[in-house]
Protein backbone atom coordinates (compact mmCIF):
# COMPACT_ATOMS: atom_id res chain seq x y z
CA MET A 1 0.40 9.07 -18.90
CA SER A 2 -1.68 11.28 -20.97
CA ARG A 3 -5.19 10.66 -18.97
CA LEU A 4 -3.01 11.69 -15.54
CA ASN A 5 -2.08 15.00 -17.31
CA LEU A 6 -5.43 15.67 -17.94
CA TYR A 7 -6.17 15.19 -14.74
CA LEU A 8 -3.96 16.53 -12.47
CA THR A 9 -4.36 20.25 -13.93
CA GLU A 10 -2.00 22.95 -13.00
CA GLN A 11 -4.63 24.03 -10.22
CA LYS A 12 -5.21 20.45 -8.66
CA CYS A 13 -1.03 19.99 -8.87
CA LEU A 14 -0.58 23.13 -6.77
CA TYR A 15 -3.30 21.72 -4.23
CA LEU A 16 -1.68 18.64 -3.74
CA ALA A 17 1.70 19.91 -3.64
CA VAL A 18 0.47 22.01 -0.50
CA PHE A 19 -1.22 19.19 0.80
CA LEU A 20 2.19 17.15 0.92
CA TRP A 21 3.71 19.91 2.26
CA SER A 22 1.34 20.71 5.33
CA ILE A 23 1.12 16.64 5.99
CA TYR A 24 4.78 16.36 5.84
CA ILE A 25 5.36 19.58 8.08
CA VAL A 26 3.15 18.08 10.68
CA LEU A 27 4.39 14.90 10.62
CA VAL A 28 8.16 16.25 11.05
CA SER A 29 6.73 18.76 13.78
CA THR A 30 4.99 15.64 15.57
CA ILE A 31 8.54 13.72 15.47
CA VAL A 32 10.40 16.41 16.83
CA TRP A 33 8.37 16.93 19.37
CA LEU A 34 8.05 13.44 20.67
CA GLN A 35 12.10 12.39 19.74
CA GLY A 36 13.22 15.23 22.11
CA HIS A 37 16.80 15.35 22.22
CA ASN A 38 17.49 12.23 20.28
CA HIS A 39 17.92 12.50 16.30
CA THR A 40 18.70 16.15 16.39
CA VAL A 41 21.73 18.49 16.15
CA THR A 42 20.22 21.76 17.42
CA PRO A 43 21.69 21.43 20.61
CA ASN A 44 24.82 22.38 18.92
CA TYR A 45 23.25 25.45 17.78
CA LEU A 46 21.46 26.48 20.96
CA ILE A 47 24.78 25.99 22.95
CA ALA A 48 26.81 28.03 20.65
CA ALA A 49 24.30 30.59 20.70
CA SER A 50 24.60 30.82 24.73
CA HIS A 51 28.60 30.63 24.62
CA TRP A 52 28.31 33.63 22.28
CA LEU A 53 25.98 35.82 24.44
CA TYR A 54 28.06 34.72 27.45
CA GLY A 55 31.44 34.88 26.04
CA SER A 56 32.35 31.28 26.18
CA ASP A 57 34.49 29.18 23.39
CA LEU A 58 32.33 28.33 20.82
CA TYR A 59 34.78 25.23 19.66
CA ASN A 60 36.47 22.48 20.77
CA SER A 61 39.57 21.27 19.07
CA LYS A 62 38.06 17.68 17.49
CA GLY A 63 36.64 19.35 14.29
CA VAL A 64 32.99 18.10 15.61
CA GLY A 65 29.79 19.83 17.52
CA PHE A 66 29.83 23.14 16.34
CA ILE A 67 31.67 23.20 12.91
CA TYR A 68 30.28 26.90 11.72
CA LEU A 69 30.91 30.52 11.70
CA PRO A 70 30.48 32.68 14.94
CA GLN A 71 27.63 34.55 12.61
CA SER A 72 25.13 31.31 12.50
CA SER A 73 25.54 31.40 16.55
CA ILE A 74 24.38 34.70 16.52
CA LEU A 75 21.44 33.84 13.64
CA PHE A 76 20.50 30.93 16.68
CA ILE A 77 19.84 33.22 19.37
CA PRO A 78 16.22 33.63 18.77
CA PHE A 79 15.87 30.12 18.79
CA ALA A 80 18.42 29.64 21.79
CA PHE A 81 15.58 32.32 23.81
CA ILE A 82 12.73 30.12 22.77
CA ALA A 83 14.40 26.97 24.14
CA LYS A 84 14.84 28.56 27.45
CA TYR A 85 11.35 27.83 28.45
CA SER A 86 10.63 25.14 25.92
CA PHE A 87 13.10 23.17 23.93
CA GLY A 88 10.26 21.12 21.90
CA ALA A 89 8.97 24.44 20.95
CA SER A 90 12.10 26.09 19.52
CA GLU A 91 12.69 22.74 17.81
CA VAL A 92 9.21 22.69 16.06
CA ILE A 93 9.49 26.37 15.24
CA TRP A 94 13.17 25.74 13.69
CA ARG A 95 11.54 22.91 11.48
CA ILE A 96 8.25 25.04 10.63
CA LEU A 97 9.97 27.73 9.53
CA SER A 98 12.79 25.52 7.51
CA LEU A 99 10.36 23.61 5.94
CA GLY A 100 8.12 26.38 5.03
CA LEU A 101 10.78 28.59 3.29
CA PHE A 102 11.99 25.45 1.73
CA ALA A 103 8.64 24.72 0.02
CA TYR A 104 8.25 28.32 -1.08
CA ALA A 105 11.74 28.47 -2.54
CA LEU A 106 11.07 25.25 -4.63
CA LEU A 107 8.06 27.17 -5.93
CA CYS A 108 10.44 30.07 -6.89
CA PHE A 109 12.64 27.53 -8.51
CA ALA A 110 9.99 25.96 -10.45
CA ARG A 111 9.10 29.08 -12.25
CA LEU A 112 12.44 29.55 -13.35
CA PHE A 113 11.49 26.47 -15.89
CA ASP A 114 8.20 26.92 -17.87
CA ALA A 115 5.59 29.80 -17.03
CA ASN A 116 2.97 27.03 -18.19
CA LYS A 117 4.01 24.24 -16.03
CA VAL A 118 4.63 26.23 -12.78
CA LYS A 119 2.70 24.02 -10.25
CA LYS A 120 2.93 20.80 -12.21
CA THR A 121 6.85 21.19 -11.90
CA PHE A 122 6.83 22.32 -7.99
CA LEU A 123 4.65 19.13 -7.59
CA ILE A 124 7.19 16.85 -8.84
CA ILE A 125 10.06 18.79 -7.24
CA THR A 126 8.35 18.47 -3.90
CA ILE A 127 7.68 14.41 -4.42
CA VAL A 128 11.53 14.37 -4.81
CA SER A 129 12.48 16.45 -2.24
CA LEU A 130 10.34 15.23 0.63
CA PRO A 131 12.36 12.41 0.97
CA LEU A 132 15.19 13.55 0.75
CA ALA A 133 14.82 16.02 3.10
CA PHE A 134 13.48 13.91 5.77
CA SER A 135 16.76 13.22 7.94
CA SER A 136 17.91 17.05 7.96
CA ALA A 137 14.26 17.93 8.76
CA ARG A 138 14.10 15.43 11.48
CA ASN A 139 17.80 16.39 12.42
CA GLY A 140 17.02 20.14 12.06
CA GLN A 141 20.58 20.90 10.42
CA PHE A 142 21.43 23.76 8.40
CA ASN A 143 21.32 21.78 4.99
CA ILE A 144 17.81 22.74 4.29
CA ILE A 145 18.37 26.61 5.17
CA LEU A 146 20.97 26.38 2.63
CA SER A 147 19.58 25.08 0.17
CA VAL A 148 16.52 27.67 0.66
CA LEU A 149 19.36 30.72 0.44
CA MET A 150 21.10 28.75 -2.81
CA LEU A 151 17.55 28.37 -4.73
CA LEU A 152 16.39 32.12 -3.40
CA SER A 153 20.10 33.41 -4.89
CA VAL A 154 19.76 32.25 -8.35
CA CYS A 155 16.22 33.21 -8.37
CA GLY A 156 17.65 37.01 -8.00
CA VAL A 157 19.77 36.01 -10.51
CA VAL A 158 17.03 35.82 -12.77
CA LYS A 159 15.67 39.19 -11.45
CA GLU A 160 18.72 40.90 -11.77
CA ARG A 161 18.09 41.67 -7.83
CA TRP A 162 21.94 42.04 -7.13
CA TRP A 163 21.58 43.12 -3.89
CA LEU A 164 19.22 40.47 -3.24
CA VAL A 165 21.48 37.91 -4.42
CA ALA A 166 24.38 39.22 -2.57
CA PHE A 167 22.12 38.99 0.91
CA TYR A 168 20.80 35.54 0.31
CA LEU A 169 24.55 34.28 -0.62
CA LEU A 170 25.80 36.21 2.31
CA LEU A 171 23.52 34.97 4.56
CA GLY A 172 23.67 31.22 3.43
CA PHE A 173 27.31 31.66 4.01
CA ALA A 174 26.75 32.92 7.57
CA PHE A 175 24.48 30.01 8.39
CA LYS A 176 27.41 27.26 6.32
CA PRO A 177 30.64 28.16 4.84
CA THR A 178 29.68 25.51 2.24
CA MET A 179 27.77 28.65 0.71
CA ILE A 180 30.96 29.62 -0.70
CA VAL A 181 31.11 27.36 -4.17
CA LEU A 182 28.00 28.89 -5.47
CA LEU A 183 28.96 32.40 -3.83
CA LEU A 184 32.14 32.73 -5.91
CA LEU A 185 30.29 30.35 -9.01
CA ILE A 186 27.95 34.00 -9.26
CA PHE A 187 30.71 36.26 -8.15
CA ALA A 188 33.02 35.00 -11.15
CA LEU A 189 29.83 34.74 -13.35
CA TYR A 190 27.86 37.98 -12.99
CA LYS A 191 29.89 41.35 -12.53
CA PRO A 192 26.85 43.46 -11.01
CA VAL A 193 27.07 41.34 -7.86
CA ARG A 194 30.59 41.66 -7.05
CA TRP A 195 31.29 44.92 -5.57
CA ARG A 196 28.32 44.19 -3.39
CA LEU A 197 29.23 41.03 -2.12
CA ILE A 198 32.74 42.57 -1.30
CA VAL A 199 30.88 45.34 0.55
CA GLY A 200 28.32 43.08 2.20
CA MET A 201 31.02 40.48 3.28
CA VAL A 202 32.66 43.29 4.85
CA ILE A 203 29.33 43.73 6.98
CA LEU A 204 28.82 40.30 7.94
CA VAL A 205 32.71 39.95 9.08
CA LEU A 206 31.94 43.48 11.33
CA ILE A 207 28.43 42.63 12.51
CA PRO A 208 29.52 39.97 15.43
CA PHE A 209 31.77 43.16 16.64
CA LEU A 210 28.79 44.43 17.52
CA THR A 211 27.33 42.02 19.67
CA GLN A 212 30.52 41.50 21.82
CA ASN A 213 33.96 42.73 22.81
CA PHE A 214 36.61 42.78 20.08
CA HIS A 215 39.15 40.49 21.50
CA TYR A 216 36.68 37.75 22.19
CA VAL A 217 35.36 37.78 18.56
CA VAL A 218 39.13 37.91 16.95
CA SER A 219 39.31 34.86 19.31
CA GLN A 220 36.30 32.61 17.85
CA TYR A 221 37.66 33.83 14.54
CA LEU A 222 40.97 32.57 14.95
CA ALA A 223 39.36 29.41 16.63
CA SER A 224 37.15 28.90 13.73
CA ALA A 225 39.75 28.69 11.07
CA ALA A 226 41.71 26.33 13.36
CA MET A 227 38.09 24.26 13.70
CA LEU A 228 37.22 24.53 9.60
CA ASN A 229 40.76 23.12 9.05
CA THR A 230 40.34 20.67 11.53
CA ALA A 231 37.20 19.43 10.44
CA ALA A 232 38.21 19.40 6.79
CA ASN A 233 41.45 16.82 7.65
CA LEU A 234 39.00 14.44 9.27
CA GLY A 235 36.66 14.54 6.42
CA MET A 236 39.57 13.77 4.09
CA ASN A 237 41.41 11.17 6.72
CA THR A 238 38.75 9.31 7.85
CA PRO A 239 35.91 6.76 5.38
CA ILE A 240 32.65 7.88 6.86
CA TRP A 241 31.67 10.69 4.13
CA ALA A 242 29.35 10.55 1.19
CA GLN A 243 31.31 11.99 -1.08
CA PHE A 244 33.38 11.16 -4.69
CA PHE A 245 36.59 10.19 -2.05
CA GLY A 246 34.04 7.76 -0.28
CA ILE A 247 33.87 6.02 -2.73
CA MET A 248 37.27 5.47 -3.22
CA ASN A 249 37.79 4.55 0.47
CA GLN A 250 35.23 2.07 0.28
CA MET A 251 37.21 0.26 -2.24
CA HIS A 252 40.49 0.43 0.15
CA VAL A 253 42.28 3.37 -2.00
CA SER A 254 43.95 5.84 -0.10
CA ILE A 255 44.35 9.05 -1.87
CA PRO A 256 46.60 11.82 -0.34
CA ASP A 257 45.46 14.75 0.98
CA MET A 258 47.41 17.16 -1.12
CA TRP A 259 46.04 15.30 -4.39
CA GLN A 260 42.75 15.47 -3.19
CA ASN A 261 42.78 19.01 -3.00
CA VAL A 262 44.24 19.26 -6.17
CA ILE A 263 41.47 17.12 -7.47
CA ARG A 264 39.13 19.18 -5.85
CA ILE A 265 40.63 22.61 -7.54
CA ILE A 266 40.57 21.11 -10.95
CA PHE A 267 36.86 20.14 -10.83
CA ALA A 268 36.24 23.46 -9.45
CA ILE A 269 37.61 24.68 -12.42
CA LEU A 270 35.61 22.53 -14.44
CA THR A 271 32.33 23.39 -12.58
CA LEU A 272 32.79 27.16 -13.52
CA GLY A 273 33.43 26.30 -16.98
CA CYS A 274 30.14 23.88 -17.12
CA ALA A 275 28.21 26.85 -15.44
CA TRP A 276 29.69 29.70 -17.92
CA ARG A 277 28.74 27.29 -21.00
CA ALA A 278 25.39 26.94 -19.72
CA HIS A 279 25.27 31.08 -19.09
CA LYS A 280 26.09 31.43 -22.74
CA ARG A 281 24.02 28.57 -24.28
CA TYR A 282 20.82 29.11 -22.42
CA ASP A 283 18.58 31.99 -21.12
CA MET A 284 18.81 33.25 -17.98
CA SER A 285 16.14 30.93 -16.19
CA LEU A 286 17.40 27.84 -17.74
CA ALA A 287 21.22 29.10 -17.31
CA VAL A 288 20.81 29.53 -13.45
CA ILE A 289 19.00 25.86 -13.24
CA PHE A 290 22.50 24.15 -14.41
CA LEU A 291 24.08 26.77 -12.01
CA TYR A 292 22.51 25.77 -9.13
CA THR A 293 22.75 21.76 -9.82
CA PHE A 294 26.46 22.53 -10.65
CA ALA A 295 27.24 23.84 -7.42
CA ALA A 296 24.95 21.48 -5.35
CA CYS A 297 27.00 18.11 -7.03
CA TYR A 298 30.15 20.01 -6.51
CA LEU A 299 29.18 20.29 -3.23
CA MET A 300 28.01 16.60 -2.84
CA LEU A 301 31.08 15.45 -4.56
CA PHE A 302 33.92 17.24 -3.21
CA ASN A 303 33.40 18.67 0.35
CA PRO A 304 35.42 16.53 2.66
CA ARG A 305 32.28 16.48 5.30
CA THR A 306 29.73 15.17 3.24
CA GLU A 307 26.91 13.43 4.80
CA HIS A 308 24.13 11.67 3.53
CA ASN A 309 21.83 14.08 4.85
CA ASP A 310 23.08 17.09 2.91
CA TYR A 311 21.86 15.30 -0.66
CA VAL A 312 19.05 17.10 0.14
CA ILE A 313 20.64 20.13 -1.36
CA MET A 314 20.66 18.26 -4.63
CA ALA A 315 16.56 17.62 -4.35
CA PRO A 316 15.81 20.57 -6.42
CA SER A 317 18.13 19.78 -9.19
CA LEU A 318 16.73 16.00 -9.58
CA GLY A 319 13.05 17.15 -9.29
CA ILE A 320 13.19 20.29 -12.39
CA PHE A 321 15.20 17.38 -14.47
CA LEU A 322 13.16 14.77 -13.76
CA ALA A 323 10.32 17.25 -14.86
CA TRP A 324 12.60 18.17 -18.11
CA SER A 325 12.47 14.87 -18.91
CA PHE A 326 8.56 13.61 -18.25
CA TYR A 327 7.85 17.22 -20.38
CA VAL A 328 9.43 16.66 -23.37
CA GLY A 329 9.06 12.43 -23.68
CA ARG A 330 12.03 11.26 -22.54
CA ARG A 331 10.39 7.86 -20.75
CA TYR A 332 13.74 5.99 -20.02
CA LEU A 333 15.71 9.10 -19.12
CA GLY A 334 12.51 9.54 -16.63
CA LEU A 335 12.88 6.03 -15.32
CA PHE A 336 16.65 6.36 -15.07
CA LEU A 337 16.25 9.98 -12.90
CA THR A 338 13.37 8.23 -10.75
CA ALA A 339 16.00 5.30 -9.65
CA LEU A 340 18.69 7.73 -9.01
CA VAL A 341 16.18 9.52 -6.56
CA VAL A 342 14.97 6.39 -5.10
CA GLY A 343 18.60 4.97 -4.61
CA ILE A 344 19.78 8.55 -2.95
CA ALA A 345 16.57 8.86 -0.59
CA PHE A 346 16.91 5.32 0.88
CA ALA A 347 21.04 4.71 0.48
CA GLY A 348 22.29 2.68 3.10
CA HIS A 349 19.02 1.51 4.45
CA TYR A 350 16.95 -0.14 1.60
CA THR A 351 18.41 0.29 -1.77
CA PHE A 352 21.24 -1.39 -1.49
CA GLY A 353 20.50 -4.08 0.92
CA SER A 354 20.39 -4.12 5.00
CA GLY A 355 24.02 -3.30 5.59
CA TYR A 356 24.65 -0.28 7.38
CA ARG A 357 26.24 2.77 5.91
CA HIS A 358 26.20 1.87 2.22
CA GLU A 359 25.70 5.98 1.76
CA TYR A 360 29.63 6.66 1.52
CA TRP A 361 29.47 5.07 -1.97
CA SER A 362 26.21 4.95 -3.22
CA ALA A 363 24.97 8.13 -3.05
CA PRO A 364 27.94 9.75 -4.26
CA LEU A 365 28.22 7.10 -7.16
CA LEU A 366 24.07 8.09 -8.09
CA ALA A 367 25.31 11.55 -7.89
CA THR A 368 28.11 11.14 -10.41
CA MET A 369 25.48 9.39 -12.55
CA PHE A 370 23.24 12.47 -12.24
CA VAL A 371 26.17 14.87 -13.18
CA ILE A 372 26.65 12.96 -16.26
CA VAL A 373 22.99 13.32 -17.51
CA VAL A 374 23.33 16.75 -16.77
CA LEU A 375 26.60 17.24 -18.71
CA TRP A 376 24.77 15.00 -21.81
CA PHE A 377 21.84 18.19 -21.28
CA LEU A 378 24.54 20.73 -21.54
CA TYR A 379 26.73 19.31 -24.19
CA SER A 380 24.36 17.27 -26.45
CA SER A 381 23.34 19.22 -29.55
CA LYS A 382 20.12 17.45 -29.29
CA ALA A 383 19.38 18.18 -25.79
CA PRO A 384 16.25 19.83 -25.45
CA THR A 385 16.33 23.29 -23.95
CA ARG A 386 12.66 24.01 -23.01
CA PRO A 387 9.46 21.61 -23.26
CA ALA A 388 7.31 22.50 -26.55
CA GLY A 389 3.75 23.51 -25.76
């Protein structure tokens, strides 16, 4: 290990990380170009963007298909315009944009940990993130861009650039409503951002009225509220989601909707408490690493509609804690975290046998194990803060 550390200098780590990202983006772009309309969800976004332009309904009554806010259809209008001329080009451009921004956001996240090991940390996070990002990248889901905006939000907190933090949070919320978890945590913990978020939310709500007539926008807001409720109920009542209650479902234990929501609220309060402790115990840079981690883990375990593809959101946290364990010489912890990464990345395919849909229980179970590790870091008096040297 020491020889490897001597060989992998900071500059070589950066070169290797950039090389890996370049190969990865080319590989994903090639697959996307060749796959056509298979293994992609972007037609849902493209159709929604087209429907918005022509004043058609965005939503169905089934809680599937386009299950986002009206603002996300507006954000995807440029790609719908490109798709008129070349569907493949719009697909590839979307992947290059989201993956390129993801790589940049991971580099920013790596800077939070240790100024002397930024490039090495970036390489480790990259190696962890690439396999976890593949399904979302191939499918073109909003998970990757959501991760980007979550990462940039917490990085903005460190720099105390509150308007930028509000912008990232609200843009992420426009893309995908699950950004609300990190948005509320930052709103609760950092007073300077609160009034900016309120002002920004008002602007975000009003923007659609600048692009369509009043009655149409109101109707789509009402339809989106109904859709979100239907989608959440579908998530709570069907055993096909990779979240905490998915573990219970695979054990044939049924928990009523009301109690699921009570448990979610309890753990939301506990998540805020853990983020608050990190805010008080560590400096800002380390505190926001915990903040991002707790937000990501809560989303994986308690969003009713968590899919295996969503676990890319947890990848930066797994990567940075893995780097942390290597730097402080906790070899067995590093091996354990590596096993978690492999298990989550290949859940339902190779890690737990050839059976299909093991990720319904295996991915959230492994995520729960990771939460236990993070809590140990947070509450143990022997837990390291920063690596020495």
